Every structure is written in structure tokens, then in C-alpha cells.
Amino acid sequence: MSKKTVKPATTKKVMRAKPYTRVEKLPELPKGVKLPSGYEPAYFRKRKSLAVLRATNKSHYLIFQTTTGKKIQVANTEEASKLMSELRRGVKSFAA
């Protein structure tokens, strides 16, 4: 009887890129677009030009479109994530 040596199958580890990046400062905003006062950057999504801003008193968050300055208020980061996903898919818009 001979024993065969079986090599374990190698698996490739998938490194997923995080869509949101925690930030302290946003990239330069276009002319005419200003960061709302009373808010500080929390997360930024470069591909979609969306940022999550935290109220300085930490009571709520704002989804901020860095190209136009449009914004939507949300209660927490979970709600912000859900709404940003809907904005990305076109289910919701800043006009609604």
C-alpha cells in the first residue's frame, strides 16, 4: 500500500476595497461649494463624490454631495450607509 501525499488546495484571499474612507479633511471642493458650518467630515466616497458629515455636537449626520453641495440629514451612520447605497443605485435622489 502506498500513501499519496495530497497538497491542500490553496485559496486566494480576496481583499475587498472599502467603499468608504474615514477622513478628517475632504479633498478640495469645487468653487461655490462650501462645507456646511457645524459639521465635520466623517467618511468620504470618492467614486460617487459623497461624504458623510458628523454634526459637531454628535447629534446627527449629513450626507453631502461634494460636487453640488446638496445634503440630506440622517440620524446615524447605519441610515447614512443605507441611503448612500440607494443614491448610488438610483433608487433615491437628493431632490426627493
Protein backbone atom coordinates (compact mmCIF):
# COMPACT_ATOMS: atom_id res chain seq x y z
CA MET A 1 0.00 0.00 0.00
CA SER A 2 1.34 3.36 -0.96
CA LYS A 3 0.21 6.57 0.56
CA LYS A 4 -0.35 9.55 -1.64
CA THR A 5 0.58 12.96 -0.40
CA VAL A 6 -2.25 15.33 -1.07
CA LYS A 7 -1.47 19.01 -1.10
CA PRO A 8 -4.20 21.19 0.35
CA ALA A 9 -5.89 23.36 -2.21
CA THR A 10 -4.61 26.88 -1.97
CA THR A 11 -7.20 29.56 -1.68
CA LYS A 12 -6.76 33.09 -2.80
CA LYS A 13 -7.59 35.61 -0.15
CA VAL A 14 -9.94 38.22 -1.59
CA MET A 15 -9.16 41.72 -0.39
CA ARG A 16 -12.21 43.87 -0.89
CA ALA A 17 -11.76 47.60 -1.13
CA LYS A 18 -13.73 49.58 1.38
CA PRO A 19 -16.09 51.94 -0.42
CA TYR A 20 -16.00 54.49 2.39
CA THR A 21 -12.86 56.01 3.79
CA ARG A 22 -12.76 57.58 7.24
CA VAL A 23 -11.45 61.12 6.86
CA GLU A 24 -10.66 64.21 8.85
CA LYS A 25 -10.48 66.50 5.85
CA LEU A 26 -12.26 66.38 2.49
CA PRO A 27 -10.49 66.96 -0.82
CA GLU A 28 -10.74 70.46 -2.24
CA LEU A 29 -14.36 71.29 -3.03
CA PRO A 30 -15.39 72.91 -6.33
CA LYS A 31 -15.75 76.67 -6.50
CA GLY A 32 -19.02 77.77 -4.89
CA VAL A 33 -19.46 74.59 -2.80
CA LYS A 34 -18.80 75.01 0.91
CA LEU A 35 -18.87 72.60 3.80
CA PRO A 36 -21.90 73.40 6.00
CA SER A 37 -20.94 75.07 9.27
CA GLY A 38 -21.34 72.94 12.38
CA TYR A 39 -20.25 69.74 10.62
CA GLU A 40 -17.00 67.82 10.31
CA PRO A 41 -16.13 65.14 7.74
CA ALA A 42 -16.55 61.56 8.92
CA TYR A 43 -16.50 59.36 5.78
CA PHE A 44 -15.90 60.00 2.10
CA ARG A 45 -16.81 58.00 -1.00
CA LYS A 46 -14.56 59.27 -3.76
CA ARG A 47 -16.14 57.45 -6.72
CA LYS A 48 -19.56 58.91 -6.01
CA SER A 49 -18.43 62.27 -4.62
CA LEU A 50 -20.47 61.64 -1.47
CA ALA A 51 -19.41 62.40 2.07
CA VAL A 52 -20.91 61.70 5.47
CA LEU A 53 -20.56 64.69 7.75
CA ARG A 54 -20.93 64.46 11.53
CA ALA A 55 -22.59 67.28 13.48
CA THR A 56 -20.02 68.77 15.84
CA ASN A 57 -22.41 68.14 18.74
CA LYS A 58 -22.65 64.48 17.52
CA SER A 59 -26.47 64.58 17.37
CA HIS A 60 -26.88 63.54 13.73
CA TYR A 61 -25.14 63.13 10.35
CA LEU A 62 -25.46 64.67 6.91
CA ILE A 63 -24.96 63.06 3.52
CA PHE A 64 -23.22 65.73 1.48
CA GLN A 65 -22.67 65.72 -2.27
CA THR A 66 -19.23 67.27 -2.70
CA THR A 67 -19.80 68.34 -6.32
CA THR A 68 -23.07 70.27 -5.83
CA GLY A 69 -23.34 70.93 -2.09
CA LYS A 70 -26.71 69.16 -1.78
CA LYS A 71 -27.33 67.46 1.55
CA ILE A 72 -29.69 65.10 3.37
CA GLN A 73 -29.86 64.77 7.16
CA VAL A 74 -29.80 61.27 8.71
CA ALA A 75 -29.83 60.05 12.31
CA ASN A 76 -26.84 57.68 12.31
CA THR A 77 -24.16 56.04 10.16
CA GLU A 78 -26.33 52.96 9.52
CA GLU A 79 -29.04 55.12 8.00
CA ALA A 80 -26.38 57.06 6.08
CA SER A 81 -24.94 53.85 4.62
CA LYS A 82 -28.37 52.62 3.54
CA LEU A 83 -29.31 55.94 1.95
CA MET A 84 -25.95 56.28 0.18
CA SER A 85 -26.47 52.83 -1.29
CA GLU A 86 -29.93 53.86 -2.54
CA LEU A 87 -28.46 57.05 -4.00
CA ARG A 88 -25.78 55.01 -5.78
CA ARG A 89 -28.36 52.62 -7.27
CA GLY A 90 -30.63 55.49 -8.33
CA VAL A 91 -33.49 54.45 -6.05
CA LYS A 92 -33.35 57.81 -4.24
CA SER A 93 -32.06 61.22 -5.21
CA PHE A 94 -31.15 64.46 -3.45
CA ALA A 95 -34.26 66.08 -4.91
CA ALA A 96 -36.61 63.72 -3.04
